[in-house]
Each structure stands twice: as structure tokens, then as C-alpha cells.
Amino acid sequence: MAPQVTFSLEDKSVPEIKPDIKRGNIVGIDVGLIDFYVTSDNESVPAPKYLRKSERKLKSAQRKASRRKKGSKRRQKAIKQLAKKHRKVADTRKDFHFKTANNLLKKYDITAVEDLNIKGMAKSKLAKSVHDAGWGQFNTILANKAEKAGQLIVEVKPHGTSVECSRCGHKVKKTLAQRQHNCPNCGLSIGRDYNAAINIRDRSKVLMKDLLPPIKFEAYQGTQLSLF
């Protein structure tokens, strides 16, 4: 009989990992603004950019509301129509996040993601695009669904994932415009996001190797771990 290992003897809310979880069935994902994410298996999901695509209609509705007389019924109606359009964008994005999370969890038992400072990124020049992507909402949905399914979400620090060569570890600096990883040390030439996703996956493997003893996964409880 395998020894029972838990993170807390008192906390009954800690979810159990499913008994048939496969440690090797793991994927790393690198989120972005061109592709919503690229996986360590070199699969990608294009960024839908719902806000960008709806911008013209939203601006038109905003101008219409602004032209109406303050306090008038026509202004109230225009404001409601504007809110409805914003709500539609938000709902469509959320539906995309749910479906995308489901597709990942159907295929993999363990998903490695970056622990991004999304609040900080939302204050940068990329704020609108970051808001449009909705990475924070996606990560929350992914974590909640994984917890219910008894699967693992592993968070790793993002520093250096796009710079380090996933084959040899050599640091290859790139501008945001450079989409290809070309390592002068080992000759590896792959997409920068694909390279980063491999690094994310491999960092999570190191984390699990360092923190989890070599016993069966079904003896473990808990769903979220952090690197460093």
C-alpha cells in the first residue's frame, strides 16, 4: 500500500489528484498576442482578438451615446446598447477561454504555465492587447477546471523562457519583433514561442522532480505548485 502524503491534515478542501494521472503526459504553454498560446508540442491556437475586431462598432456606439442629451431616455437607451456590445465581447472571450481550457485538459494531465505579472503588463503599452487576450481569466478557468478533474497546473517563473535555448541553455537575446529562435551555440532553429513553451514544460519537470518524492502520483493531493 502506497504511503499517504498530503499538504494538510486539517484542510479538507485540498483536492485529490486523479489516481490514473500520468506524470509524462505534460505540456508547457507560452501565451502571446499573435498566437493565444503555443504548446511544447508545437501546436498553436490563434489569438481571437475579440475586442480589436469589435472596436469600430464599440466606438460608434460610444459616439452615439455621447451625442445624446444627458438625462434623456435616448441617452439611457444608447448607454444600454453600448454596455450590451461590451458584454457580448466579454462573453465571447470567456466562452473561448472555457473551450480552449477544455481542449488542453482533455489531452494532457499536467499543464505548465508561466506565472505572469498580468497587472503589471496591463499598465504597459500593450495594455489593450493584454486585456483583449484575457490571460488572467483563462488561467483561472484552466486552474479551476484542472482542480475539479484532479489534474495539475504547474506555474513557473517566466524570466528567461524566451531567451534560453531549449536544447543547450545558451541565452539568445531577441527583440519582440524576432519570432524565430536561432541558437548560435547548438544551431537550434525553431519558433520563439515554441522554444519558450519547451522551457516552461522542462522547468515544471524540474520542479516536480525536486519537490515530489518518487512515489505514485495517486498518493498526492494538491493541484498547483510554483517554481523558485
Protein backbone atom coordinates (compact mmCIF):
# COMPACT_ATOMS: atom_id res chain seq x y z
CA MET A 1 0.00 0.00 0.00
CA ALA A 2 1.42 3.40 -1.05
CA PRO A 3 2.07 5.93 1.75
CA GLN A 4 -0.47 8.72 2.00
CA VAL A 5 1.06 12.16 1.53
CA THR A 6 -0.95 15.37 1.93
CA PHE A 7 -0.17 19.07 2.22
CA SER A 8 -2.54 19.48 5.15
CA LEU A 9 -4.14 17.14 7.62
CA GLU A 10 -6.80 19.70 8.51
CA ASP A 11 -7.68 21.27 5.15
CA LYS A 12 -10.37 19.03 3.67
CA SER A 13 -10.78 21.40 0.71
CA VAL A 14 -7.46 20.34 -0.80
CA PRO A 15 -8.47 18.42 -3.96
CA GLU A 16 -7.16 14.98 -4.79
CA ILE A 17 -5.15 14.20 -7.89
CA LYS A 18 -6.86 11.60 -10.04
CA PRO A 19 -5.40 8.12 -9.42
CA ASP A 20 -4.51 7.47 -13.07
CA ILE A 21 -2.64 10.74 -13.68
CA LYS A 22 0.36 10.29 -15.97
CA ARG A 23 3.46 12.26 -14.98
CA GLY A 24 4.78 12.12 -18.56
CA ASN A 25 1.56 13.46 -20.08
CA ILE A 26 2.64 17.07 -19.64
CA VAL A 27 2.57 20.17 -21.80
CA GLY A 28 4.04 23.64 -21.48
CA ILE A 29 2.16 26.60 -22.96
CA ASP A 30 3.53 30.01 -23.88
CA VAL A 31 0.78 32.63 -24.18
CA GLY A 32 1.12 35.52 -26.59
CA LEU A 33 -0.61 38.23 -28.58
CA ILE A 34 -0.19 36.72 -32.05
CA ASP A 35 -1.00 33.16 -31.04
CA PHE A 36 -3.11 32.87 -27.90
CA TYR A 37 -0.73 30.09 -26.96
CA VAL A 38 1.87 27.79 -28.44
CA THR A 39 2.50 24.41 -26.81
CA SER A 40 5.67 22.43 -26.21
CA ASP A 41 4.30 20.02 -28.85
CA ASN A 42 4.39 22.91 -31.34
CA GLU A 43 0.63 23.27 -31.56
CA SER A 44 -0.88 26.73 -31.54
CA VAL A 45 -4.20 28.49 -31.08
CA PRO A 46 -4.54 31.85 -32.87
CA ALA A 47 -5.40 34.85 -30.72
CA PRO A 48 -9.07 35.66 -31.49
CA LYS A 49 -8.73 39.39 -30.68
CA TYR A 50 -12.44 39.90 -29.99
CA LEU A 51 -12.01 43.44 -28.69
CA ARG A 52 -9.91 44.54 -31.66
CA LYS A 53 -12.44 43.10 -34.11
CA SER A 54 -15.33 44.85 -32.36
CA GLU A 55 -13.56 48.18 -31.86
CA ARG A 56 -15.24 50.01 -34.73
CA LYS A 57 -18.75 49.06 -33.57
CA LEU A 58 -17.91 49.88 -29.96
CA LYS A 59 -16.54 53.31 -30.87
CA SER A 60 -19.62 54.03 -32.98
CA ALA A 61 -21.91 53.07 -30.09
CA GLN A 62 -19.81 55.21 -27.72
CA ARG A 63 -20.10 58.26 -30.01
CA LYS A 64 -23.85 57.70 -30.33
CA ALA A 65 -24.26 57.63 -26.55
CA SER A 66 -22.09 60.75 -26.14
CA ARG A 67 -24.22 62.74 -28.60
CA ARG A 68 -27.44 62.08 -26.75
CA LYS A 69 -28.66 64.68 -24.28
CA LYS A 70 -27.66 63.93 -20.71
CA GLY A 71 -30.52 62.52 -18.65
CA SER A 72 -32.63 61.75 -21.71
CA LYS A 73 -34.25 58.37 -22.39
CA ARG A 74 -32.44 58.20 -25.73
CA ARG A 75 -29.10 58.57 -23.94
CA GLN A 76 -30.03 55.86 -21.44
CA LYS A 77 -31.02 53.57 -24.30
CA ALA A 78 -27.75 54.26 -26.13
CA ILE A 79 -25.74 53.54 -22.98
CA LYS A 80 -27.55 50.23 -22.54
CA GLN A 81 -26.80 49.30 -26.13
CA LEU A 82 -23.13 50.15 -25.62
CA ALA A 83 -22.99 48.03 -22.45
CA LYS A 84 -24.64 45.16 -24.32
CA LYS A 85 -21.96 45.27 -27.02
CA HIS A 86 -19.17 45.25 -24.41
CA ARG A 87 -20.88 42.36 -22.61
CA LYS A 88 -21.06 40.39 -25.85
CA VAL A 89 -17.30 40.79 -26.38
CA ALA A 90 -16.61 39.69 -22.79
CA ASP A 91 -18.96 36.69 -23.03
CA THR A 92 -17.48 35.58 -26.36
CA ARG A 93 -13.97 35.80 -24.92
CA LYS A 94 -14.97 33.84 -21.83
CA ASP A 95 -16.57 31.12 -23.97
CA PHE A 96 -13.34 30.87 -25.96
CA HIS A 97 -11.36 30.53 -22.72
CA PHE A 98 -13.61 27.72 -21.48
CA LYS A 99 -13.40 25.79 -24.75
CA THR A 100 -9.64 26.28 -25.01
CA ALA A 101 -9.08 25.14 -21.42
CA ASN A 102 -11.26 22.07 -22.02
CA ASN A 103 -9.26 21.11 -25.10
CA LEU A 104 -6.00 21.27 -23.15
CA LEU A 105 -7.29 19.25 -20.21
CA LYS A 106 -8.76 16.57 -22.46
CA LYS A 107 -5.32 15.98 -23.95
CA TYR A 108 -2.92 16.49 -21.02
CA ASP A 109 -2.85 15.54 -17.34
CA ILE A 110 -0.33 18.25 -16.37
CA THR A 111 -0.19 21.75 -17.84
CA ALA A 112 2.74 24.09 -17.16
CA VAL A 113 2.11 27.82 -17.42
CA GLU A 114 4.05 30.99 -16.70
CA ASP A 115 3.31 32.92 -13.50
CA LEU A 116 2.85 36.21 -15.35
CA ASN A 117 2.55 39.64 -13.77
CA ILE A 118 -0.58 40.43 -15.74
CA LYS A 119 -1.46 43.52 -13.67
CA GLY A 120 1.93 44.98 -14.49
CA MET A 121 1.60 44.13 -18.18
CA ALA A 122 -1.84 45.76 -18.23
CA LYS A 123 -0.14 49.08 -17.41
CA SER A 124 2.28 48.86 -20.35
CA LYS A 125 1.86 49.98 -23.96
CA LEU A 126 0.45 46.53 -24.65
CA ALA A 127 -2.41 47.09 -22.18
CA LYS A 128 -5.25 46.89 -24.72
CA SER A 129 -3.90 43.71 -26.30
CA VAL A 130 -3.29 42.12 -22.88
CA HIS A 131 -6.85 42.95 -21.84
CA ASP A 132 -8.16 41.58 -25.13
CA ALA A 133 -6.30 38.28 -24.64
CA GLY A 134 -7.61 37.87 -21.09
CA TRP A 135 -4.78 35.60 -19.89
CA GLY A 136 -5.71 36.07 -16.24
CA GLN A 137 -9.26 34.87 -16.80
CA PHE A 138 -8.02 31.95 -18.89
CA ASN A 139 -5.52 30.85 -16.23
CA THR A 140 -8.24 30.99 -13.56
CA ILE A 141 -10.63 28.91 -15.67
CA LEU A 142 -7.85 26.44 -16.50
CA ALA A 143 -6.86 26.06 -12.83
CA ASN A 144 -10.45 25.62 -11.65
CA LYS A 145 -11.24 23.02 -14.29
CA ALA A 146 -8.00 21.15 -13.62
CA GLU A 147 -8.76 21.08 -9.89
CA LYS A 148 -12.20 19.60 -10.49
CA ALA A 149 -10.74 16.99 -12.85
CA GLY A 150 -7.92 16.05 -10.45
CA GLN A 151 -5.26 17.35 -12.84
CA LEU A 152 -2.21 19.53 -12.22
CA ILE A 153 -1.44 23.12 -13.20
CA VAL A 154 2.22 23.97 -12.55
CA GLU A 155 3.29 27.62 -12.50
CA VAL A 156 6.88 28.54 -13.38
CA LYS A 157 8.67 31.86 -13.30
CA PRO A 158 8.65 33.48 -16.76
CA HIS A 159 12.12 35.04 -16.56
CA GLY A 160 14.31 33.81 -19.41
CA THR A 161 11.88 31.37 -21.04
CA SER A 162 12.05 33.24 -24.35
CA VAL A 163 15.82 33.79 -24.12
CA GLU A 164 17.21 30.40 -23.11
CA CYS A 165 17.78 27.82 -25.82
CA SER A 166 15.58 24.82 -25.03
CA ARG A 167 18.26 22.45 -26.36
CA CYS A 168 21.53 23.72 -24.88
CA GLY A 169 20.57 26.51 -22.44
CA HIS A 170 22.53 29.21 -24.28
CA LYS A 171 20.98 32.66 -23.86
CA VAL A 172 19.84 34.13 -27.18
CA LYS A 173 18.57 37.69 -26.80
CA LYS A 174 15.71 38.73 -29.08
CA THR A 175 13.59 41.78 -29.77
CA LEU A 176 9.80 41.43 -29.61
CA ALA A 177 9.76 41.55 -33.41
CA GLN A 178 12.02 38.49 -33.72
CA ARG A 179 9.72 35.48 -33.99
CA GLN A 180 12.40 32.85 -34.58
CA HIS A 181 14.83 31.33 -32.10
CA ASN A 182 18.19 30.78 -33.79
CA CYS A 183 20.84 29.46 -31.40
CA PRO A 184 24.44 30.22 -32.47
CA ASN A 185 25.73 27.67 -29.96
CA CYS A 186 23.90 24.47 -30.96
CA GLY A 187 22.21 25.50 -34.19
CA LEU A 188 18.62 25.01 -33.00
CA SER A 189 16.20 27.00 -35.17
CA ILE A 190 12.54 26.97 -34.08
CA GLY A 191 9.78 29.48 -33.35
CA ARG A 192 10.48 31.63 -30.30
CA ASP A 193 7.15 30.76 -28.68
CA TYR A 194 7.69 27.05 -29.31
CA ASN A 195 11.14 27.36 -27.72
CA ALA A 196 9.64 29.16 -24.71
CA ALA A 197 6.90 26.54 -24.30
CA ILE A 198 9.51 23.77 -24.17
CA ASN A 199 11.39 25.71 -21.48
CA ILE A 200 8.19 26.16 -19.49
CA ARG A 201 7.46 22.44 -19.68
CA ASP A 202 11.02 21.49 -18.71
CA ARG A 203 11.09 23.90 -15.76
CA SER A 204 7.94 22.29 -14.42
CA LYS A 205 9.56 18.86 -14.73
CA VAL A 206 12.50 20.08 -12.64
CA LEU A 207 10.05 21.42 -10.07
CA MET A 208 8.20 18.15 -9.75
CA LYS A 209 11.45 16.17 -9.62
CA ASP A 210 12.79 18.37 -6.81
CA LEU A 211 9.61 18.59 -4.73
CA LEU A 212 7.86 15.28 -5.27
CA PRO A 213 9.35 12.05 -3.91
CA PRO A 214 9.47 9.06 -6.28
CA ILE A 215 6.12 7.59 -5.22
CA LYS A 216 2.93 7.10 -7.15
CA PHE A 217 1.08 10.30 -8.02
CA GLU A 218 -2.16 8.94 -6.59
CA ALA A 219 -0.65 9.31 -3.12
CA TYR A 220 -0.50 13.07 -3.61
CA GLN A 221 -3.00 15.84 -3.02
CA GLY A 222 -2.96 19.41 -4.25
CA THR A 223 -3.08 20.89 -7.74
CA GLN A 224 -0.85 23.93 -8.00
CA LEU A 225 2.91 24.23 -7.50
CA SER A 226 5.29 27.14 -8.05
CA LEU A 227 8.90 27.23 -9.17
CA PHE A 228 11.51 29.10 -7.01
